[in-house]
Amino acid sequence: MIWQPPRPSPPPYTLLPSLTLSLPSSLHAMSNEPIKVKHTASGATFTINPYGAHLTSYTTPTGREILFLSRDAILDGSKAIRGGIPLCFPQFGQPDESYPQHGFLRNNYWNVVDGSQFDTEEGAGISMELELKNVVHSRGGKWDVVDTKLDCKCIFSVEVDGKSMTNTITIVNQGTETFDFQVLLHAYYLVADRKALDGGVCNVKGLEGYSVSDKVSGEDYVLGAEPVIIPETIIDRVYNPPKDKIDLQVIVSAGPNNTISLKANGQVDGTAVPVSGVVWNPHAEKAKDMGDFGDDQYVDMICVEPGLLSDVPLLEGGKSATFTQVMTSI
């Protein structure tokens, strides 16, 4: 047996009986238990998760599911959910390594706005909110500076009725410093019968005349009258509107007998802003690199993502911006 010297006794200490810890309100109940909202009059439903205020399901009155959710999606609040409708703000993509991909909305817990849930003859819905002071993950860039004067609150409202689902995100500049931003609703549509690569039944119409920035090939061009289809490779394209287009109005064909009308509009301090669109599908080569996406599930989805991406006015202190999309199954 090897002798060891005795451990010294710990020094005496005094408890502070009045000491309490104060946590941000978003951390008091960090549960990602999904909230299901049903419009009793029509039977339409949606499901929203507190983590990211993330819509994971929207069913029409006939029971048709409109949104795609990866079978490998992580739903425990440890990372952004793969599928549904992720919210992107204050930027889309990743401008540089100091910023997280697509901003911080989808990586933080949101709170239900008190008294916001309703179910009436006309519709049913709920609102959730996130203030910058409660953003504990993925700020990045200028939003992650100590003693920053930037401040904002985001409110995400969802409503369904017998025909449509409406999503509105409101951004309020609660600080004194003006900031630039982008906002986008990264919607994943479920493609019926695994037909995402069949351009005859899976396509997007209504983007003719839009300026295309192809993030895969690096090409820039103006789209003709042809519909957008998924090619035999990754598709990742931004469609910026021509000068005479403000609102976005497209038809999304998501497989046989599964067509959705998508309309989107945005305003900054009451002034209408042109709406861009993004079409994305990872195809086989990218799908297998994503741990939360099934290797074969690229045939089950198409992302059609409206957003304010270019020529967006700065948001001044005390002012607000809104962005709305309406999905209608037709």
C-alpha atoms as a PDB file:
ATOM      1  CA  MET A   1       0.000   0.000   0.000  1.00  0.00           C
ATOM      2  CA  ILE A   2       1.356   3.397  -0.959  1.00  0.00           C
ATOM      3  CA  TRP A   3       1.063   6.077   1.679  1.00  0.00           C
ATOM      4  CA  GLN A   4      -0.647   9.285   0.625  1.00  0.00           C
ATOM      5  CA  PRO A   5      -0.752  12.480   2.637  1.00  0.00           C
ATOM      6  CA  PRO A   6      -4.168  13.417   3.991  1.00  0.00           C
ATOM      7  CA  ARG A   7      -6.169  15.874   1.959  1.00  0.00           C
ATOM      8  CA  PRO A   8      -6.494  19.302   3.530  1.00  0.00           C
ATOM      9  CA  SER A   9      -9.911  20.238   4.843  1.00  0.00           C
ATOM     10  CA  PRO A  10     -11.804  22.691   2.676  1.00  0.00           C
ATOM     11  CA  PRO A  11     -11.916  26.246   3.989  1.00  0.00           C
ATOM     12  CA  PRO A  12     -15.114  27.293   5.741  1.00  0.00           C
ATOM     13  CA  TYR A  13     -17.629  29.185   3.631  1.00  0.00           C
ATOM     14  CA  THR A  14     -20.848  31.106   4.179  1.00  0.00           C
ATOM     15  CA  LEU A  15     -24.048  30.515   2.252  1.00  0.00           C
ATOM     16  CA  LEU A  16     -25.812  33.564   0.890  1.00  0.00           C
ATOM     17  CA  PRO A  17     -29.461  32.891   1.742  1.00  0.00           C
ATOM     18  CA  SER A  18     -30.839  35.630  -0.498  1.00  0.00           C
ATOM     19  CA  LEU A  19     -28.925  34.598  -3.642  1.00  0.00           C
ATOM     20  CA  THR A  20     -31.151  33.849  -6.651  1.00  0.00           C
ATOM     21  CA  LEU A  21     -30.272  33.217 -10.266  1.00  0.00           C
ATOM     22  CA  SER A  22     -32.165  35.019 -12.989  1.00  0.00           C
ATOM     23  CA  LEU A  23     -32.459  33.311 -16.376  1.00  0.00           C
ATOM     24  CA  PRO A  24     -33.769  34.750 -19.604  1.00  0.00           C
ATOM     25  CA  SER A  25     -37.462  33.980 -19.981  1.00  0.00           C
ATOM     26  CA  SER A  26     -36.759  31.691 -22.946  1.00  0.00           C
ATOM     27  CA  LEU A  27     -34.660  29.438 -20.690  1.00  0.00           C
ATOM     28  CA  HIS A  28     -37.258  28.828 -17.972  1.00  0.00           C
ATOM     29  CA  ALA A  29     -38.993  26.052 -19.906  1.00  0.00           C
ATOM     30  CA  MET A  30     -36.708  24.822 -22.644  1.00  0.00           C
ATOM     31  CA  SER A  31     -39.035  22.162 -23.978  1.00  0.00           C
ATOM     32  CA  ASN A  32     -39.474  21.430 -27.649  1.00  0.00           C
ATOM     33  CA  GLU A  33     -42.844  19.782 -27.128  1.00  0.00           C
ATOM     34  CA  PRO A  34     -44.722  20.449 -30.378  1.00  0.00           C
ATOM     35  CA  ILE A  35     -47.843  22.592 -30.337  1.00  0.00           C
ATOM     36  CA  LYS A  36     -50.655  21.357 -32.589  1.00  0.00           C
ATOM     37  CA  VAL A  37     -53.276  23.864 -33.688  1.00  0.00           C
ATOM     38  CA  LYS A  38     -56.513  22.722 -35.322  1.00  0.00           C
ATOM     39  CA  HIS A  39     -59.136  24.761 -37.120  1.00  0.00           C
ATOM     40  CA  THR A  40     -62.187  22.954 -35.820  1.00  0.00           C
ATOM     41  CA  ALA A  41     -64.532  24.311 -38.476  1.00  0.00           C
ATOM     42  CA  SER A  42     -62.516  22.937 -41.413  1.00  0.00           C
ATOM     43  CA  GLY A  43     -60.223  20.285 -39.933  1.00  0.00           C
ATOM     44  CA  ALA A  44     -57.012  21.965 -41.166  1.00  0.00           C
ATOM     45  CA  THR A  45     -54.075  21.652 -38.753  1.00  0.00           C
ATOM     46  CA  PHE A  46     -50.495  22.746 -38.250  1.00  0.00           C
ATOM     47  CA  THR A  47     -47.755  21.792 -35.799  1.00  0.00           C
ATOM     48  CA  ILE A  48     -45.157  24.255 -34.544  1.00  0.00           C
ATOM     49  CA  ASN A  49     -42.134  23.575 -32.329  1.00  0.00           C
ATOM     50  CA  PRO A  50     -40.892  26.148 -29.785  1.00  0.00           C
ATOM     51  CA  TYR A  51     -37.298  25.574 -30.909  1.00  0.00           C
ATOM     52  CA  GLY A  52     -37.008  27.874 -33.885  1.00  0.00           C
ATOM     53  CA  ALA A  53     -40.766  28.600 -33.971  1.00  0.00           C
ATOM     54  CA  HIS A  54     -40.463  25.838 -36.516  1.00  0.00           C
ATOM     55  CA  LEU A  55     -43.474  24.611 -38.473  1.00  0.00           C
ATOM     56  CA  THR A  56     -43.130  20.862 -39.020  1.00  0.00           C
ATOM     57  CA  SER A  57     -46.578  20.029 -40.408  1.00  0.00           C
ATOM     58  CA  TYR A  58     -49.498  21.607 -42.250  1.00  0.00           C
ATOM     59  CA  THR A  59     -52.445  19.436 -43.236  1.00  0.00           C
ATOM     60  CA  THR A  60     -55.360  20.601 -45.360  1.00  0.00           C
ATOM     61  CA  PRO A  61     -58.997  19.860 -44.443  1.00  0.00           C
ATOM     62  CA  THR A  62     -58.740  16.686 -46.559  1.00  0.00           C
ATOM     63  CA  GLY A  63     -55.781  15.488 -44.483  1.00  0.00           C
ATOM     64  CA  ARG A  64     -53.123  16.102 -47.132  1.00  0.00           C
ATOM     65  CA  GLU A  65     -49.699  16.896 -45.674  1.00  0.00           C
ATOM     66  CA  ILE A  66     -48.098  19.861 -47.444  1.00  0.00           C
ATOM     67  CA  LEU A  67     -44.723  20.033 -45.668  1.00  0.00           C
ATOM     68  CA  PHE A  68     -41.794  17.619 -45.848  1.00  0.00           C
ATOM     69  CA  LEU A  69     -40.048  16.613 -42.616  1.00  0.00           C
ATOM     70  CA  SER A  70     -36.902  14.503 -42.781  1.00  0.00           C
ATOM     71  CA  ARG A  71     -37.237  11.115 -41.118  1.00  0.00           C
ATOM     72  CA  ASP A  72     -33.860  11.841 -39.493  1.00  0.00           C
ATOM     73  CA  ALA A  73     -34.761  15.344 -38.303  1.00  0.00           C
ATOM     74  CA  ILE A  74     -33.484  16.113 -34.801  1.00  0.00           C
ATOM     75  CA  LEU A  75     -36.367  17.377 -32.678  1.00  0.00           C
ATOM     76  CA  ASP A  76     -34.786  17.649 -29.230  1.00  0.00           C
ATOM     77  CA  GLY A  77     -33.717  21.286 -29.538  1.00  0.00           C
ATOM     78  CA  SER A  78     -30.028  20.514 -30.044  1.00  0.00           C
ATOM     79  CA  LYS A  79     -29.904  21.753 -33.648  1.00  0.00           C
ATOM     80  CA  ALA A  80     -32.118  23.271 -36.327  1.00  0.00           C
ATOM     81  CA  ILE A  81     -34.891  20.989 -37.588  1.00  0.00           C
ATOM     82  CA  ARG A  82     -34.454  19.538 -41.088  1.00  0.00           C
ATOM     83  CA  GLY A  83     -37.675  20.104 -43.008  1.00  0.00           C
ATOM     84  CA  GLY A  84     -40.886  22.022 -42.406  1.00  0.00           C
ATOM     85  CA  ILE A  85     -40.347  25.789 -42.534  1.00  0.00           C
ATOM     86  CA  PRO A  86     -37.094  27.054 -40.983  1.00  0.00           C
ATOM     87  CA  LEU A  87     -36.999  30.820 -40.391  1.00  0.00           C
ATOM     88  CA  CYS A  88     -33.961  32.679 -41.753  1.00  0.00           C
ATOM     89  CA  PHE A  89     -32.930  36.068 -40.262  1.00  0.00           C
ATOM     90  CA  PRO A  90     -30.951  38.363 -40.041  1.00  0.00           C
ATOM     91  CA  GLN A  91     -29.300  36.827 -43.079  1.00  0.00           C
ATOM     92  CA  PHE A  92     -29.846  34.073 -45.599  1.00  0.00           C
ATOM     93  CA  GLY A  93     -26.877  31.770 -46.049  1.00  0.00           C
ATOM     94  CA  GLN A  94     -23.526  32.576 -44.478  1.00  0.00           C
ATOM     95  CA  PRO A  95     -21.848  35.849 -45.542  1.00  0.00           C
ATOM     96  CA  ASP A  96     -18.611  34.842 -43.813  1.00  0.00           C
ATOM     97  CA  GLU A  97     -17.389  32.437 -41.143  1.00  0.00           C
ATOM     98  CA  SER A  98     -18.351  34.782 -38.305  1.00  0.00           C
ATOM     99  CA  TYR A  99     -22.041  34.274 -39.090  1.00  0.00           C
ATOM    100  CA  PRO A 100     -24.072  31.096 -38.552  1.00  0.00           C
ATOM    101  CA  GLN A 101     -25.851  29.581 -41.546  1.00  0.00           C
ATOM    102  CA  HIS A 102     -29.219  31.339 -42.037  1.00  0.00           C
ATOM    103  CA  GLY A 103     -29.059  33.402 -38.839  1.00  0.00           C
ATOM    104  CA  PHE A 104     -30.264  32.738 -35.304  1.00  0.00           C
ATOM    105  CA  LEU A 105     -34.056  32.349 -35.417  1.00  0.00           C
ATOM    106  CA  ARG A 106     -34.060  28.609 -36.111  1.00  0.00           C
ATOM    107  CA  ASN A 107     -31.541  27.820 -33.343  1.00  0.00           C
ATOM    108  CA  ASN A 108     -33.252  29.316 -30.297  1.00  0.00           C
ATOM    109  CA  TYR A 109     -36.342  28.723 -28.194  1.00  0.00           C
ATOM    110  CA  TRP A 110     -39.304  31.006 -28.789  1.00  0.00           C
ATOM    111  CA  ASN A 111     -42.152  31.918 -26.440  1.00  0.00           C
ATOM    112  CA  VAL A 112     -45.853  31.759 -27.208  1.00  0.00           C
ATOM    113  CA  VAL A 113     -47.326  35.263 -27.231  1.00  0.00           C
ATOM    114  CA  ASP A 114     -49.799  35.439 -24.355  1.00  0.00           C
ATOM    115  CA  GLY A 115     -53.388  35.113 -25.530  1.00  0.00           C
ATOM    116  CA  SER A 116     -52.411  34.606 -29.166  1.00  0.00           C
ATOM    117  CA  GLN A 117     -53.832  31.118 -29.730  1.00  0.00           C
ATOM    118  CA  PHE A 118     -57.326  31.069 -31.208  1.00  0.00           C
ATOM    119  CA  ASP A 119     -59.832  28.827 -32.982  1.00  0.00           C
ATOM    120  CA  THR A 120     -62.833  30.561 -34.517  1.00  0.00           C
ATOM    121  CA  GLU A 121     -65.172  29.896 -37.405  1.00  0.00           C
ATOM    122  CA  GLU A 122     -62.896  31.943 -39.683  1.00  0.00           C
ATOM    123  CA  GLY A 123     -59.561  30.396 -38.744  1.00  0.00           C
ATOM    124  CA  ALA A 124     -57.157  29.116 -36.075  1.00  0.00           C
ATOM    125  CA  GLY A 125     -53.672  30.230 -35.211  1.00  0.00           C
ATOM    126  CA  ILE A 126     -50.928  31.142 -32.795  1.00  0.00           C
ATOM    127  CA  SER A 127     -48.046  33.632 -32.476  1.00  0.00           C
ATOM    128  CA  MET A 128     -44.566  33.114 -31.046  1.00  0.00           C
ATOM    129  CA  GLU A 129     -41.888  35.673 -30.239  1.00  0.00           C
ATOM    130  CA  LEU A 130     -38.137  35.890 -29.729  1.00  0.00           C
ATOM    131  CA  GLU A 131     -36.229  38.894 -28.377  1.00  0.00           C
ATOM    132  CA  LEU A 132     -32.533  39.373 -29.004  1.00  0.00           C
ATOM    133  CA  LYS A 133     -31.804  39.280 -25.261  1.00  0.00           C
ATOM    134  CA  ASN A 134     -33.052  35.675 -25.261  1.00  0.00           C
ATOM    135  CA  VAL A 135     -30.921  34.592 -28.219  1.00  0.00           C
ATOM    136  CA  VAL A 136     -28.320  32.310 -26.652  1.00  0.00           C
ATOM    137  CA  HIS A 137     -27.148  30.447 -29.758  1.00  0.00           C
ATOM    138  CA  SER A 138     -25.838  31.412 -33.186  1.00  0.00           C
ATOM    139  CA  ARG A 139     -25.818  35.205 -33.078  1.00  0.00           C
ATOM    140  CA  GLY A 140     -22.640  35.721 -35.056  1.00  0.00           C
ATOM    141  CA  GLY A 141     -21.078  38.710 -36.783  1.00  0.00           C
ATOM    142  CA  LYS A 142     -22.155  42.160 -35.659  1.00  0.00           C
ATOM    143  CA  TRP A 143     -24.976  40.609 -33.601  1.00  0.00           C
ATOM    144  CA  ASP A 144     -22.427  38.957 -31.306  1.00  0.00           C
ATOM    145  CA  VAL A 145     -20.498  42.089 -30.291  1.00  0.00           C
ATOM    146  CA  VAL A 146     -20.216  42.841 -26.567  1.00  0.00           C
ATOM    147  CA  ASP A 147     -22.389  45.834 -25.590  1.00  0.00           C
ATOM    148  CA  THR A 148     -23.900  45.981 -29.071  1.00  0.00           C
ATOM    149  CA  LYS A 149     -26.554  48.625 -29.609  1.00  0.00           C
ATOM    150  CA  LEU A 150     -28.405  46.332 -31.967  1.00  0.00           C
ATOM    151  CA  ASP A 151     -31.700  45.045 -30.627  1.00  0.00           C
ATOM    152  CA  CYS A 152     -34.738  43.425 -32.166  1.00  0.00           C
ATOM    153  CA  LYS A 153     -37.816  41.356 -31.511  1.00  0.00           C
ATOM    154  CA  CYS A 154     -39.274  38.856 -33.978  1.00  0.00           C
ATOM    155  CA  ILE A 155     -42.880  37.667 -33.950  1.00  0.00           C
ATOM    156  CA  PHE A 156     -43.993  34.703 -36.046  1.00  0.00           C
ATOM    157  CA  SER A 157     -47.727  34.285 -36.586  1.00  0.00           C
ATOM    158  CA  VAL A 158     -49.381  31.268 -38.207  1.00  0.00           C
ATOM    159  CA  GLU A 159     -53.030  30.922 -39.218  1.00  0.00           C
ATOM    160  CA  VAL A 160     -54.980  28.237 -41.069  1.00  0.00           C
ATOM    161  CA  ASP A 161     -58.491  28.157 -42.434  1.00  0.00           C
ATOM    162  CA  GLY A 162     -60.360  25.890 -44.818  1.00  0.00           C
ATOM    163  CA  LYS A 163     -58.295  27.022 -47.814  1.00  0.00           C
ATOM    164  CA  SER A 164     -54.851  28.300 -46.825  1.00  0.00           C
ATOM    165  CA  MET A 165     -52.043  28.638 -44.321  1.00  0.00           C
ATOM    166  CA  THR A 166     -50.664  32.133 -43.725  1.00  0.00           C
ATOM    167  CA  ASN A 167     -47.257  32.788 -42.126  1.00  0.00           C
ATOM    168  CA  THR A 168     -46.196  36.286 -41.109  1.00  0.00           C
ATOM    169  CA  ILE A 169     -42.902  37.252 -39.526  1.00  0.00           C
ATOM    170  CA  THR A 170     -42.643  40.729 -38.010  1.00  0.00           C
ATOM    171  CA  ILE A 171     -39.245  42.215 -37.166  1.00  0.00           C
ATOM    172  CA  VAL A 172     -39.157  45.159 -34.765  1.00  0.00           C
ATOM    173  CA  ASN A 173     -35.990  47.232 -34.334  1.00  0.00           C
ATOM    174  CA  GLN A 174     -36.067  47.849 -30.581  1.00  0.00           C
ATOM    175  CA  GLY A 175     -32.679  49.549 -30.499  1.00  0.00           C
ATOM    176  CA  THR A 176     -31.271  52.890 -31.586  1.00  0.00           C
ATOM    177  CA  GLU A 177     -28.965  51.533 -34.275  1.00  0.00           C
ATOM    178  CA  THR A 178     -30.150  51.005 -37.841  1.00  0.00           C
ATOM    179  CA  PHE A 179     -29.417  47.563 -39.285  1.00  0.00           C
ATOM    180  CA  ASP A 180     -29.531  45.780 -42.604  1.00  0.00           C
ATOM    181  CA  PHE A 181     -31.159  42.362 -42.862  1.00  0.00           C
ATOM    182  CA  GLN A 182     -32.540  39.577 -44.984  1.00  0.00           C
ATOM    183  CA  VAL A 183     -35.504  37.380 -44.084  1.00  0.00           C
ATOM    184  CA  LEU A 184     -36.677  34.165 -45.732  1.00  0.00           C
ATOM    185  CA  LEU A 185     -39.118  31.307 -45.101  1.00  0.00           C
ATOM    186  CA  HIS A 186     -37.228  28.139 -46.070  1.00  0.00           C
ATOM    187  CA  ALA A 187     -40.265  25.969 -46.892  1.00  0.00           C
ATOM    188  CA  TYR A 188     -39.812  22.264 -47.663  1.00  0.00           C
ATOM    189  CA  TYR A 189     -42.732  20.910 -49.721  1.00  0.00           C
ATOM    190  CA  LEU A 190     -43.592  17.220 -49.596  1.00  0.00           C
ATOM    191  CA  VAL A 191     -43.602  15.788 -53.124  1.00  0.00           C
ATOM    192  CA  ALA A 192     -46.227  13.093 -53.650  1.00  0.00           C
ATOM    193  CA  ASP A 193     -45.246   9.617 -54.860  1.00  0.00           C
ATOM    194  CA  ARG A 194     -41.489  10.379 -54.637  1.00  0.00           C
ATOM    195  CA  LYS A 195     -41.668  12.283 -57.936  1.00  0.00           C
ATOM    196  CA  ALA A 196     -39.354  15.236 -57.203  1.00  0.00           C
ATOM    197  CA  LEU A 197     -37.133  14.453 -60.203  1.00  0.00           C
ATOM    198  CA  ASP A 198     -40.085  14.160 -62.604  1.00  0.00           C
ATOM    199  CA  GLY A 199     -40.300  17.644 -64.106  1.00  0.00           C
ATOM    200  CA  GLY A 200     -43.722  16.889 -65.528  1.00  0.00           C
ATOM    201  CA  VAL A 201     -45.312  16.729 -62.085  1.00  0.00           C
ATOM    202  CA  CYS A 202     -42.758  18.546 -59.885  1.00  0.00           C
ATOM    203  CA  ASN A 203     -41.951  22.097 -60.947  1.00  0.00           C
ATOM    204  CA  VAL A 204     -42.358  25.789 -60.154  1.00  0.00           C
ATOM    205  CA  LYS A 205     -44.205  28.128 -62.513  1.00  0.00           C
ATOM    206  CA  GLY A 206     -44.342  31.921 -62.402  1.00  0.00           C
ATOM    207  CA  LEU A 207     -40.666  32.911 -62.243  1.00  0.00           C
ATOM    208  CA  GLU A 208     -40.261  33.888 -65.885  1.00  0.00           C
ATOM    209  CA  GLY A 209     -38.248  37.095 -66.311  1.00  0.00           C
ATOM    210  CA  TYR A 210     -36.525  36.663 -62.948  1.00  0.00           C
ATOM    211  CA  SER A 211     -32.742  37.053 -62.726  1.00  0.00           C
ATOM    212  CA  VAL A 212     -31.204  33.739 -61.716  1.00  0.00           C
ATOM    213  CA  SER A 213     -28.079  33.284 -59.621  1.00  0.00           C
ATOM    214  CA  ASP A 214     -27.074  29.619 -59.786  1.00  0.00           C
ATOM    215  CA  LYS A 215     -25.037  28.829 -56.659  1.00  0.00           C
ATOM    216  CA  VAL A 216     -23.912  25.471 -58.069  1.00  0.00           C
ATOM    217  CA  SER A 217     -22.737  26.384 -61.577  1.00  0.00           C
ATOM    218  CA  GLY A 218     -21.926  30.027 -60.841  1.00  0.00           C
ATOM    219  CA  GLU A 219     -24.004  31.136 -63.822  1.00  0.00           C
ATOM    220  CA  ASP A 220     -26.223  34.230 -63.912  1.00  0.00           C
ATOM    221  CA  TYR A 221     -29.038  34.517 -66.442  1.00  0.00           C
ATOM    222  CA  VAL A 222     -32.657  35.568 -66.947  1.00  0.00           C
ATOM    223  CA  LEU A 223     -35.243  32.792 -66.820  1.00  0.00           C
ATOM    224  CA  GLY A 224     -37.458  32.280 -69.852  1.00  0.00           C
ATOM    225  CA  ALA A 225     -41.016  30.983 -69.903  1.00  0.00           C
ATOM    226  CA  GLU A 226     -40.086  27.436 -68.925  1.00  0.00           C
ATOM    227  CA  PRO A 227     -40.974  26.118 -65.447  1.00  0.00           C
ATOM    228  CA  VAL A 228     -38.228  25.460 -62.928  1.00  0.00           C
ATOM    229  CA  ILE A 229     -37.509  21.752 -62.484  1.00  0.00           C
ATOM    230  CA  ILE A 230     -34.968  19.777 -60.476  1.00  0.00           C
ATOM    231  CA  PRO A 231     -32.065  18.791 -62.751  1.00  0.00           C
ATOM    232  CA  GLU A 232     -29.940  15.659 -62.446  1.00  0.00           C
ATOM    233  CA  THR A 233     -27.809  17.324 -59.797  1.00  0.00           C
ATOM    234  CA  ILE A 234     -28.080  19.707 -56.859  1.00  0.00           C
ATOM    235  CA  ILE A 235     -30.268  22.740 -57.495  1.00  0.00           C
ATOM    236  CA  ASP A 236     -29.551  25.880 -55.460  1.00  0.00           C
ATOM    237  CA  ARG A 237     -30.755  28.982 -57.276  1.00  0.00           C
ATOM    238  CA  VAL A 238     -31.816  32.464 -56.221  1.00  0.00           C
ATOM    239  CA  TYR A 239     -34.480  34.168 -58.356  1.00  0.00           C
ATOM    240  CA  ASN A 240     -34.548  37.968 -58.081  1.00  0.00           C
ATOM    241  CA  PRO A 241     -37.559  39.764 -59.546  1.00  0.00           C
ATOM    242  CA  PRO A 242     -37.617  42.085 -62.555  1.00  0.00           C
ATOM    243  CA  LYS A 243     -38.323  45.776 -61.982  1.00  0.00           C
ATOM    244  CA  ASP A 244     -42.074  45.429 -62.514  1.00  0.00           C
ATOM    245  CA  LYS A 245     -42.506  42.678 -59.898  1.00  0.00           C
ATOM    246  CA  ILE A 246     -42.976  43.330 -56.205  1.00  0.00           C
ATOM    247  CA  ASP A 247     -44.939  40.421 -54.742  1.00  0.00           C
ATOM    248  CA  LEU A 248     -44.092  36.798 -55.503  1.00  0.00           C
ATOM    249  CA  GLN A 249     -46.824  34.608 -57.020  1.00  0.00           C
ATOM    250  CA  VAL A 250     -45.892  31.093 -58.128  1.00  0.00           C
ATOM    251  CA  ILE A 251     -47.495  27.692 -58.582  1.00  0.00           C
ATOM    252  CA  VAL A 252     -45.668  24.799 -56.940  1.00  0.00           C
ATOM    253  CA  SER A 253     -46.450  21.396 -58.431  1.00  0.00           C
ATOM    254  CA  ALA A 254     -45.343  18.916 -55.780  1.00  0.00           C
ATOM    255  CA  GLY A 255     -46.106  15.606 -57.427  1.00  0.00           C
ATOM    256  CA  PRO A 256     -49.256  14.122 -58.996  1.00  0.00           C
ATOM    257  CA  ASN A 257     -52.461  15.933 -57.989  1.00  0.00           C
ATOM    258  CA  ASN A 258     -50.600  18.051 -55.437  1.00  0.00           C
ATOM    259  CA  THR A 259     -50.487  21.713 -56.455  1.00  0.00           C
ATOM    260  CA  ILE A 260     -49.956  24.725 -54.206  1.00  0.00           C
ATOM    261  CA  SER A 261     -50.409  28.412 -54.924  1.00  0.00           C
ATOM    262  CA  LEU A 262     -47.722  30.414 -53.128  1.00  0.00           C
ATOM    263  CA  LYS A 263     -47.994  34.170 -52.652  1.00  0.00           C
ATOM    264  CA  ALA A 264     -45.558  36.316 -50.677  1.00  0.00           C
ATOM    265  CA  ASN A 265     -45.113  40.004 -49.917  1.00  0.00           C
ATOM    266  CA  GLY A 266     -42.971  42.147 -47.658  1.00  0.00           C
ATOM    267  CA  GLN A 267     -42.740  45.663 -46.273  1.00  0.00           C
ATOM    268  CA  VAL A 268     -40.117  47.703 -44.446  1.00  0.00           C
ATOM    269  CA  ASP A 269     -41.598  50.598 -42.477  1.00  0.00           C
ATOM    270  CA  GLY A 270     -44.705  50.428 -44.663  1.00  0.00           C
ATOM    271  CA  THR A 271     -42.856  50.429 -47.993  1.00  0.00           C
ATOM    272  CA  ALA A 272     -43.286  47.377 -50.222  1.00  0.00           C
ATOM    273  CA  VAL A 273     -40.075  45.472 -50.998  1.00  0.00           C
ATOM    274  CA  PRO A 274     -39.549  43.139 -54.001  1.00  0.00           C
ATOM    275  CA  VAL A 275     -39.717  39.464 -53.042  1.00  0.00           C
ATOM    276  CA  SER A 276     -37.095  36.982 -54.230  1.00  0.00           C
ATOM    277  CA  GLY A 277     -37.357  33.208 -54.327  1.00  0.00           C
ATOM    278  CA  VAL A 278     -34.985  30.291 -53.826  1.00  0.00           C
ATOM    279  CA  VAL A 279     -35.385  26.767 -55.214  1.00  0.00           C
ATOM    280  CA  TRP A 280     -33.296  24.032 -53.586  1.00  0.00           C
ATOM    281  CA  ASN A 281     -32.952  20.269 -53.632  1.00  0.00           C
ATOM    282  CA  PRO A 282     -29.809  18.478 -52.375  1.00  0.00           C
ATOM    283  CA  HIS A 283     -30.023  15.569 -54.838  1.00  0.00           C
ATOM    284  CA  ALA A 284     -28.176  12.322 -54.067  1.00  0.00           C
ATOM    285  CA  GLU A 285     -24.685  13.786 -53.742  1.00  0.00           C
ATOM    286  CA  LYS A 286     -25.582  16.322 -51.059  1.00  0.00           C
ATOM    287  CA  ALA A 287     -28.258  14.224 -49.321  1.00  0.00           C
ATOM    288  CA  LYS A 288     -25.755  11.590 -48.223  1.00  0.00           C
ATOM    289  CA  ASP A 289     -23.576  14.260 -46.601  1.00  0.00           C
ATOM    290  CA  MET A 290     -26.358  15.487 -44.291  1.00  0.00           C
ATOM    291  CA  GLY A 291     -26.670  13.489 -41.086  1.00  0.00           C
ATOM    292  CA  ASP A 292     -30.256  14.596 -40.460  1.00  0.00           C
ATOM    293  CA  PHE A 293     -31.534  13.844 -43.971  1.00  0.00           C
ATOM    294  CA  GLY A 294     -32.221  10.377 -45.398  1.00  0.00           C
ATOM    295  CA  ASP A 295     -29.904   9.440 -48.259  1.00  0.00           C
ATOM    296  CA  ASP A 296     -32.872   8.707 -50.530  1.00  0.00           C
ATOM    297  CA  GLN A 297     -35.236  11.472 -49.406  1.00  0.00           C
ATOM    298  CA  TYR A 298     -34.249  14.015 -52.052  1.00  0.00           C
ATOM    299  CA  VAL A 299     -36.984  12.488 -54.240  1.00  0.00           C
ATOM    300  CA  ASP A 300     -39.578  13.411 -51.596  1.00  0.00           C
ATOM    301  CA  MET A 301     -39.131  17.183 -51.417  1.00  0.00           C
ATOM    302  CA  ILE A 302     -38.584  20.506 -53.098  1.00  0.00           C
ATOM    303  CA  CYS A 303     -37.755  23.744 -51.303  1.00  0.00           C
ATOM    304  CA  VAL A 304     -39.438  26.881 -52.633  1.00  0.00           C
ATOM    305  CA  GLU A 305     -38.371  29.718 -50.371  1.00  0.00           C
ATOM    306  CA  PRO A 306     -39.683  33.289 -50.631  1.00  0.00           C
ATOM    307  CA  GLY A 307     -37.742  36.066 -48.970  1.00  0.00           C
ATOM    308  CA  LEU A 308     -36.474  39.634 -48.901  1.00  0.00           C
ATOM    309  CA  LEU A 309     -32.934  39.165 -50.184  1.00  0.00           C
ATOM    310  CA  SER A 310     -31.977  42.107 -52.404  1.00  0.00           C
ATOM    311  CA  ASP A 311     -32.557  45.876 -52.319  1.00  0.00           C
ATOM    312  CA  VAL A 312     -33.947  45.616 -48.781  1.00  0.00           C
ATOM    313  CA  PRO A 313     -34.081  49.034 -47.045  1.00  0.00           C
ATOM    314  CA  LEU A 314     -32.307  49.454 -43.717  1.00  0.00           C
ATOM    315  CA  LEU A 315     -34.508  49.044 -40.649  1.00  0.00           C
ATOM    316  CA  GLU A 316     -34.290  52.109 -38.428  1.00  0.00           C
ATOM    317  CA  GLY A 317     -34.728  52.185 -34.667  1.00  0.00           C
ATOM    318  CA  GLY A 318     -38.363  51.959 -33.609  1.00  0.00           C
ATOM    319  CA  LYS A 319     -39.467  50.777 -37.053  1.00  0.00           C
ATOM    320  CA  SER A 320     -40.723  47.362 -38.147  1.00  0.00           C
ATOM    321  CA  ALA A 321     -40.710  45.077 -41.169  1.00  0.00           C
ATOM    322  CA  THR A 322     -43.145  42.320 -42.092  1.00  0.00           C
ATOM    323  CA  PHE A 323     -42.958  39.368 -44.433  1.00  0.00           C
ATOM    324  CA  THR A 324     -45.915  37.133 -45.296  1.00  0.00           C
ATOM    325  CA  GLN A 325     -46.438  33.988 -47.325  1.00  0.00           C
ATOM    326  CA  VAL A 326     -49.767  32.308 -48.098  1.00  0.00           C
ATOM    327  CA  MET A 327     -49.931  28.648 -49.162  1.00  0.00           C
ATOM    328  CA  THR A 328     -53.137  27.472 -50.806  1.00  0.00           C
ATOM    329  CA  SER A 329     -53.695  23.888 -51.928  1.00  0.00           C
ATOM    330  CA  ILE A 330     -55.453  23.990 -55.316  1.00  0.00           C
END
